[in-house]
N, C-alpha and C. Protein backbone atom coordinates (compact mmCIF):
# COMPACT_ATOMS: atom_id res chain seq x y z
N UNK A 1 52.10 2.81 -56.85
CA UNK A 1 51.84 3.67 -55.72
C UNK A 1 50.40 4.15 -55.76
N UNK A 2 49.87 4.35 -54.60
CA UNK A 2 48.51 4.85 -54.53
C UNK A 2 48.50 6.34 -54.85
N UNK A 3 47.37 6.76 -55.32
CA UNK A 3 47.22 8.16 -55.69
C UNK A 3 47.34 9.05 -54.44
N UNK A 4 46.84 8.62 -53.28
CA UNK A 4 46.92 9.42 -52.05
C UNK A 4 48.37 9.56 -51.58
N UNK A 5 49.18 8.54 -51.78
CA UNK A 5 50.59 8.60 -51.41
C UNK A 5 51.33 9.61 -52.29
N UNK A 6 51.01 9.62 -53.57
CA UNK A 6 51.64 10.56 -54.49
C UNK A 6 51.28 11.98 -54.12
N UNK A 7 50.00 12.21 -53.78
CA UNK A 7 49.58 13.55 -53.36
C UNK A 7 50.28 13.97 -52.07
N UNK A 8 50.42 13.04 -51.14
CA UNK A 8 51.10 13.34 -49.87
C UNK A 8 52.55 13.74 -50.11
N UNK A 9 53.25 13.00 -50.97
CA UNK A 9 54.64 13.31 -51.30
C UNK A 9 54.73 14.65 -52.00
N UNK A 10 53.79 14.94 -52.89
CA UNK A 10 53.79 16.22 -53.60
C UNK A 10 53.58 17.38 -52.64
N UNK A 11 52.68 17.21 -51.68
CA UNK A 11 52.43 18.27 -50.68
C UNK A 11 53.68 18.48 -49.82
N UNK A 12 54.31 17.40 -49.39
CA UNK A 12 55.54 17.53 -48.60
C UNK A 12 56.64 18.23 -49.39
N UNK A 13 56.77 17.90 -50.66
CA UNK A 13 57.78 18.55 -51.50
C UNK A 13 57.47 20.03 -51.65
N UNK A 14 56.20 20.37 -51.79
CA UNK A 14 55.82 21.78 -51.89
C UNK A 14 56.12 22.54 -50.60
N UNK A 15 55.83 21.92 -49.47
CA UNK A 15 56.14 22.57 -48.17
C UNK A 15 57.65 22.75 -48.00
N UNK A 16 58.42 21.75 -48.41
CA UNK A 16 59.88 21.87 -48.30
C UNK A 16 60.39 22.98 -49.20
N UNK A 17 59.83 23.11 -50.39
CA UNK A 17 60.25 24.17 -51.31
C UNK A 17 59.88 25.54 -50.74
N UNK A 18 58.69 25.64 -50.13
CA UNK A 18 58.27 26.92 -49.54
C UNK A 18 59.19 27.29 -48.38
N UNK A 19 59.53 26.32 -47.53
CA UNK A 19 60.43 26.60 -46.40
C UNK A 19 61.80 27.01 -46.90
N UNK A 20 62.28 26.35 -47.95
CA UNK A 20 63.58 26.71 -48.52
C UNK A 20 63.57 28.10 -49.09
N UNK A 21 62.48 28.48 -49.72
CA UNK A 21 62.43 29.83 -50.29
C UNK A 21 62.37 30.89 -49.20
N UNK A 22 61.75 30.59 -48.06
CA UNK A 22 61.74 31.55 -46.94
C UNK A 22 63.15 31.75 -46.39
N UNK A 23 63.88 30.66 -46.25
CA UNK A 23 65.26 30.78 -45.77
C UNK A 23 66.08 31.59 -46.77
N UNK A 24 65.92 31.31 -48.05
CA UNK A 24 66.65 32.05 -49.07
C UNK A 24 66.25 33.53 -49.06
N UNK A 25 64.98 33.80 -48.84
CA UNK A 25 64.51 35.19 -48.82
C UNK A 25 65.18 35.95 -47.67
N UNK A 26 65.34 35.31 -46.51
CA UNK A 26 66.04 35.97 -45.41
C UNK A 26 67.51 36.18 -45.77
N UNK A 27 68.12 35.20 -46.39
CA UNK A 27 69.51 35.35 -46.79
C UNK A 27 69.65 36.47 -47.80
N UNK A 28 68.76 36.50 -48.75
CA UNK A 28 68.81 37.51 -49.79
C UNK A 28 68.53 38.91 -49.22
N UNK A 29 67.74 38.98 -48.14
CA UNK A 29 67.41 40.28 -47.56
C UNK A 29 68.58 40.85 -46.76
N UNK A 30 69.62 40.06 -46.52
CA UNK A 30 70.79 40.58 -45.84
C UNK A 30 70.93 40.12 -44.41
N UNK A 31 69.97 39.38 -43.90
CA UNK A 31 70.05 38.94 -42.52
C UNK A 31 71.23 38.00 -42.30
N UNK A 32 71.56 37.20 -43.27
CA UNK A 32 72.64 36.24 -43.13
C UNK A 32 73.75 36.49 -44.13
N UNK A 33 73.84 37.66 -44.68
CA UNK A 33 74.81 37.91 -45.74
C UNK A 33 76.19 38.21 -45.18
N UNK A 34 77.19 38.05 -45.99
CA UNK A 34 78.57 38.30 -45.61
C UNK A 34 78.89 39.78 -45.52
N UNK A 35 78.08 40.63 -46.15
CA UNK A 35 78.43 42.05 -46.23
C UNK A 35 78.35 42.76 -44.88
N UNK A 36 77.58 42.22 -43.91
CA UNK A 36 77.43 42.88 -42.62
C UNK A 36 78.33 42.31 -41.52
N UNK A 37 79.13 41.32 -41.83
CA UNK A 37 79.96 40.72 -40.80
C UNK A 37 80.97 41.73 -40.27
N UNK A 38 81.07 41.84 -38.97
CA UNK A 38 82.02 42.74 -38.35
C UNK A 38 81.59 44.18 -38.30
N UNK A 39 80.45 44.52 -38.86
CA UNK A 39 79.99 45.90 -38.86
C UNK A 39 79.31 46.21 -37.54
N UNK A 40 79.58 47.35 -37.00
CA UNK A 40 78.91 47.80 -35.79
C UNK A 40 77.77 48.71 -36.23
N UNK A 41 76.58 48.23 -36.05
CA UNK A 41 75.40 48.96 -36.51
C UNK A 41 74.90 49.84 -35.37
N UNK A 42 74.96 51.13 -35.54
CA UNK A 42 74.52 52.09 -34.53
C UNK A 42 73.10 52.53 -34.84
N UNK A 43 72.27 52.65 -33.81
CA UNK A 43 70.93 53.19 -34.08
C UNK A 43 71.03 54.68 -34.39
N UNK A 44 69.98 55.22 -34.94
CA UNK A 44 69.95 56.65 -35.24
C UNK A 44 70.02 57.44 -33.95
N UNK A 45 70.64 58.60 -34.01
CA UNK A 45 70.76 59.45 -32.83
C UNK A 45 69.37 59.88 -32.37
N UNK A 46 69.13 59.86 -31.06
CA UNK A 46 67.81 60.26 -30.58
C UNK A 46 67.59 61.75 -30.80
N UNK A 47 66.35 62.09 -31.03
CA UNK A 47 66.01 63.50 -31.23
C UNK A 47 65.56 64.07 -29.89
N UNK A 48 65.94 65.32 -29.65
CA UNK A 48 65.53 65.99 -28.42
C UNK A 48 64.02 66.17 -28.40
N UNK A 49 63.47 65.97 -27.23
CA UNK A 49 62.03 66.14 -27.06
C UNK A 49 61.80 67.37 -26.21
N UNK A 50 60.88 68.20 -26.63
CA UNK A 50 60.55 69.37 -25.83
C UNK A 50 59.99 68.94 -24.48
N UNK A 51 60.47 69.56 -23.43
CA UNK A 51 59.95 69.27 -22.09
C UNK A 51 60.55 68.03 -21.45
N UNK A 52 61.60 67.46 -22.04
CA UNK A 52 62.20 66.28 -21.44
C UNK A 52 62.88 66.65 -20.13
N UNK A 53 62.77 65.78 -19.15
CA UNK A 53 63.34 66.09 -17.84
C UNK A 53 64.39 65.07 -17.42
N UNK A 54 64.98 64.39 -18.35
CA UNK A 54 65.99 63.40 -18.03
C UNK A 54 67.23 63.63 -18.87
N UNK A 55 68.31 63.01 -18.44
CA UNK A 55 69.55 63.09 -19.20
C UNK A 55 70.27 61.75 -19.08
N UNK A 56 71.01 61.42 -20.08
CA UNK A 56 71.78 60.19 -20.10
C UNK A 56 73.24 60.56 -20.26
N UNK A 57 74.07 60.00 -19.42
CA UNK A 57 75.51 60.27 -19.53
C UNK A 57 76.22 59.00 -19.98
N UNK A 58 77.46 59.13 -20.29
CA UNK A 58 78.26 58.00 -20.72
C UNK A 58 78.45 57.02 -19.56
N UNK A 59 78.48 55.75 -19.88
CA UNK A 59 78.73 54.72 -18.88
C UNK A 59 80.18 54.84 -18.40
N UNK A 60 80.41 54.84 -17.09
CA UNK A 60 81.79 54.99 -16.62
C UNK A 60 82.63 53.77 -17.01
N UNK A 61 83.77 54.02 -17.59
CA UNK A 61 84.62 52.94 -18.04
C UNK A 61 85.76 52.62 -17.07
N UNK A 62 85.87 53.39 -16.01
CA UNK A 62 86.94 53.14 -15.07
C UNK A 62 86.61 51.91 -14.22
N UNK A 63 87.63 51.14 -13.86
CA UNK A 63 87.37 49.99 -12.99
C UNK A 63 87.13 50.47 -11.56
N UNK A 64 86.28 49.79 -10.82
CA UNK A 64 86.05 50.20 -9.44
C UNK A 64 87.28 49.95 -8.58
N UNK A 65 87.42 50.75 -7.57
CA UNK A 65 88.56 50.61 -6.66
C UNK A 65 88.36 49.39 -5.77
N UNK A 66 89.39 48.60 -5.66
CA UNK A 66 89.37 47.48 -4.72
C UNK A 66 89.76 48.00 -3.34
N UNK A 67 89.32 47.30 -2.33
CA UNK A 67 89.64 47.70 -0.96
C UNK A 67 91.15 47.65 -0.75
N UNK A 68 91.71 48.64 -0.06
CA UNK A 68 93.15 48.61 0.18
C UNK A 68 93.52 47.49 1.15
N UNK A 69 94.69 46.92 0.92
CA UNK A 69 95.18 45.87 1.80
C UNK A 69 96.18 44.99 1.11
N UNK A 70 96.85 44.13 1.87
CA UNK A 70 97.83 43.22 1.28
C UNK A 70 97.17 42.26 0.29
N UNK A 71 97.73 42.15 -0.88
CA UNK A 71 97.21 41.29 -1.93
C UNK A 71 96.40 42.03 -2.99
N UNK A 72 96.13 43.30 -2.76
CA UNK A 72 95.34 44.07 -3.71
C UNK A 72 96.01 44.12 -5.09
N UNK A 73 97.31 44.36 -5.11
CA UNK A 73 98.02 44.45 -6.39
C UNK A 73 98.00 43.10 -7.12
N UNK A 74 98.12 42.01 -6.37
CA UNK A 74 98.06 40.68 -7.00
C UNK A 74 96.69 40.44 -7.62
N UNK A 75 95.64 40.81 -6.90
CA UNK A 75 94.28 40.64 -7.43
C UNK A 75 94.12 41.49 -8.69
N UNK A 76 94.57 42.74 -8.64
CA UNK A 76 94.44 43.60 -9.82
C UNK A 76 95.22 43.06 -11.01
N UNK A 77 96.41 42.58 -10.78
CA UNK A 77 97.23 42.14 -11.91
C UNK A 77 96.80 40.79 -12.47
N UNK A 78 96.48 39.83 -11.62
CA UNK A 78 96.13 38.50 -12.13
C UNK A 78 94.67 38.40 -12.54
N UNK A 79 93.77 38.93 -11.73
CA UNK A 79 92.34 38.76 -12.02
C UNK A 79 91.88 39.62 -13.19
N UNK A 80 92.47 40.80 -13.34
CA UNK A 80 92.00 41.69 -14.40
C UNK A 80 92.57 41.34 -15.77
N UNK A 81 93.35 40.28 -15.88
CA UNK A 81 93.78 39.85 -17.21
C UNK A 81 92.63 39.19 -17.96
N UNK A 82 91.65 38.67 -17.22
CA UNK A 82 90.50 38.02 -17.87
C UNK A 82 89.21 38.80 -17.71
N UNK A 83 89.07 39.53 -16.62
CA UNK A 83 87.84 40.28 -16.39
C UNK A 83 88.14 41.52 -15.57
N UNK A 84 87.21 42.42 -15.58
CA UNK A 84 87.36 43.66 -14.82
C UNK A 84 87.28 43.37 -13.33
N UNK A 85 87.87 44.25 -12.55
CA UNK A 85 87.73 44.11 -11.10
C UNK A 85 86.28 44.34 -10.67
N UNK A 86 85.47 44.86 -11.58
CA UNK A 86 84.04 45.04 -11.30
C UNK A 86 83.38 43.69 -10.98
N UNK A 87 83.86 42.61 -11.57
CA UNK A 87 83.29 41.29 -11.28
C UNK A 87 83.48 40.92 -9.82
N UNK A 88 84.53 41.43 -9.20
CA UNK A 88 84.76 41.16 -7.78
C UNK A 88 83.85 42.04 -6.93
N UNK A 89 83.81 43.31 -7.25
CA UNK A 89 83.06 44.25 -6.41
C UNK A 89 81.55 44.10 -6.58
N UNK A 90 81.07 43.55 -7.68
CA UNK A 90 79.63 43.41 -7.86
C UNK A 90 79.08 42.12 -7.27
N UNK A 91 79.97 41.24 -6.81
CA UNK A 91 79.51 40.00 -6.18
C UNK A 91 78.86 40.31 -4.84
N UNK A 92 77.86 39.53 -4.48
CA UNK A 92 77.34 39.69 -3.11
C UNK A 92 78.41 39.20 -2.15
N UNK A 93 78.32 39.55 -0.89
CA UNK A 93 79.30 39.02 0.06
C UNK A 93 79.26 37.49 0.05
N UNK A 94 80.39 36.89 -0.21
CA UNK A 94 80.47 35.43 -0.32
C UNK A 94 81.19 34.83 0.88
N UNK A 95 80.84 33.60 1.26
CA UNK A 95 81.56 32.94 2.34
C UNK A 95 83.03 32.73 1.95
N UNK A 96 83.92 32.69 2.93
CA UNK A 96 85.36 32.53 2.62
C UNK A 96 85.66 31.30 1.76
N UNK A 97 84.98 30.19 2.02
CA UNK A 97 85.27 28.98 1.23
C UNK A 97 84.83 29.14 -0.23
N UNK A 98 83.86 29.99 -0.48
CA UNK A 98 83.44 30.24 -1.86
C UNK A 98 84.51 31.03 -2.61
N UNK A 99 85.13 32.00 -1.94
CA UNK A 99 86.22 32.74 -2.60
C UNK A 99 87.38 31.81 -2.92
N UNK A 100 87.69 30.89 -2.00
CA UNK A 100 88.77 29.93 -2.27
C UNK A 100 88.40 29.05 -3.47
N UNK A 101 87.14 28.61 -3.53
CA UNK A 101 86.70 27.78 -4.66
C UNK A 101 86.74 28.57 -5.97
N UNK A 102 86.39 29.86 -5.93
CA UNK A 102 86.42 30.68 -7.14
C UNK A 102 87.84 30.82 -7.68
N UNK A 103 88.79 31.10 -6.80
CA UNK A 103 90.18 31.24 -7.24
C UNK A 103 90.69 29.91 -7.78
N UNK A 104 90.38 28.81 -7.10
CA UNK A 104 90.80 27.50 -7.59
C UNK A 104 90.18 27.19 -8.94
N UNK A 105 88.91 27.58 -9.16
CA UNK A 105 88.25 27.37 -10.44
C UNK A 105 88.95 28.17 -11.54
N UNK A 106 89.32 29.41 -11.22
CA UNK A 106 89.98 30.24 -12.22
C UNK A 106 91.31 29.62 -12.66
N UNK A 107 92.00 28.99 -11.72
CA UNK A 107 93.30 28.39 -12.04
C UNK A 107 93.12 27.04 -12.74
N UNK A 108 92.32 26.16 -12.14
CA UNK A 108 92.24 24.78 -12.64
C UNK A 108 91.30 24.61 -13.82
N UNK A 109 90.18 25.32 -13.84
CA UNK A 109 89.21 25.14 -14.92
C UNK A 109 89.44 26.15 -16.04
N UNK A 110 89.60 27.43 -15.67
CA UNK A 110 89.73 28.48 -16.67
C UNK A 110 91.15 28.65 -17.19
N UNK A 111 92.14 28.09 -16.48
CA UNK A 111 93.51 28.12 -16.96
C UNK A 111 94.28 29.40 -16.67
N UNK A 112 93.85 30.17 -15.68
CA UNK A 112 94.57 31.40 -15.32
C UNK A 112 95.91 31.02 -14.68
N UNK A 113 97.04 31.47 -15.23
CA UNK A 113 98.35 31.08 -14.70
C UNK A 113 98.76 31.90 -13.47
N UNK A 114 98.11 31.65 -12.35
CA UNK A 114 98.48 32.31 -11.10
C UNK A 114 99.48 31.41 -10.40
N UNK A 115 100.67 31.91 -10.06
CA UNK A 115 101.66 31.07 -9.38
C UNK A 115 101.12 30.51 -8.07
N UNK A 116 101.62 29.34 -7.69
CA UNK A 116 101.15 28.66 -6.49
C UNK A 116 101.33 29.50 -5.23
N UNK A 117 102.41 30.29 -5.17
CA UNK A 117 102.64 31.09 -3.97
C UNK A 117 101.76 32.34 -3.92
N UNK A 118 101.16 32.75 -5.04
CA UNK A 118 100.31 33.94 -5.08
C UNK A 118 98.84 33.59 -4.82
N UNK A 119 98.45 32.36 -5.13
CA UNK A 119 97.05 31.97 -4.95
C UNK A 119 96.56 32.17 -3.52
N UNK A 120 97.30 31.75 -2.49
CA UNK A 120 96.82 31.98 -1.12
C UNK A 120 96.72 33.46 -0.76
N UNK A 121 97.58 34.29 -1.35
CA UNK A 121 97.54 35.73 -1.09
C UNK A 121 96.24 36.32 -1.66
N UNK A 122 95.88 35.91 -2.88
CA UNK A 122 94.65 36.39 -3.50
C UNK A 122 93.43 35.91 -2.72
N UNK A 123 93.44 34.63 -2.35
CA UNK A 123 92.32 34.09 -1.58
C UNK A 123 92.16 34.82 -0.26
N UNK A 124 93.25 35.04 0.44
CA UNK A 124 93.21 35.74 1.73
C UNK A 124 92.68 37.17 1.55
N UNK A 125 93.12 37.86 0.49
CA UNK A 125 92.64 39.21 0.24
C UNK A 125 91.13 39.22 0.02
N UNK A 126 90.64 38.33 -0.85
CA UNK A 126 89.20 38.28 -1.14
C UNK A 126 88.40 37.90 0.09
N UNK A 127 88.91 36.97 0.88
CA UNK A 127 88.22 36.57 2.10
C UNK A 127 88.21 37.69 3.13
N UNK A 128 89.28 38.46 3.15
CA UNK A 128 89.40 39.54 4.14
C UNK A 128 88.48 40.70 3.80
N UNK A 129 88.31 41.02 2.53
CA UNK A 129 87.59 42.23 2.15
C UNK A 129 86.22 42.00 1.53
N UNK A 130 85.94 40.80 1.03
CA UNK A 130 84.68 40.61 0.29
C UNK A 130 83.90 39.39 0.77
N UNK A 131 84.08 38.98 2.02
CA UNK A 131 83.33 37.86 2.58
C UNK A 131 82.12 38.37 3.35
N UNK A 132 81.26 37.44 3.76
CA UNK A 132 80.05 37.80 4.49
C UNK A 132 80.35 38.60 5.76
N UNK A 133 81.35 38.18 6.50
CA UNK A 133 81.64 38.79 7.78
C UNK A 133 82.42 40.09 7.66
N UNK A 134 83.14 40.27 6.55
CA UNK A 134 84.09 41.39 6.47
C UNK A 134 83.73 42.43 5.42
N UNK A 135 82.72 42.21 4.61
CA UNK A 135 82.40 43.15 3.53
C UNK A 135 81.92 44.46 4.12
N UNK A 136 82.55 45.53 3.68
CA UNK A 136 82.15 46.86 4.14
C UNK A 136 81.16 47.43 3.13
N UNK A 137 80.11 48.07 3.62
CA UNK A 137 79.10 48.61 2.69
C UNK A 137 79.63 49.75 1.85
């Protein structure tokens, strides 16, 4: 082997060893350790500042109210098994065919077990209350 080839291999081996030691250093520092798995790490409580003019309250955990009407209970019972009703109310007004496609996607792709006779009721409710033409501000 040529001397330049040996030097090249030695340099590559040194770089690989340095990269390996960096990964080990992160592991050893606790970034990838088993001791922190499942732990909820809370930041330190904020300290009051003199002259502060703002306040922060707790995020509301209640689900938003759906519009009253036929099918509301079906939407609440079937749709909220996977997500909050907030996902419905935070959507922009969607065309009726988009709501039908969303319900079909939830059943066929996501596997939500909505009975065949309830699916049209849910679609009709969403189209009636959350479509472009019918969404109330």
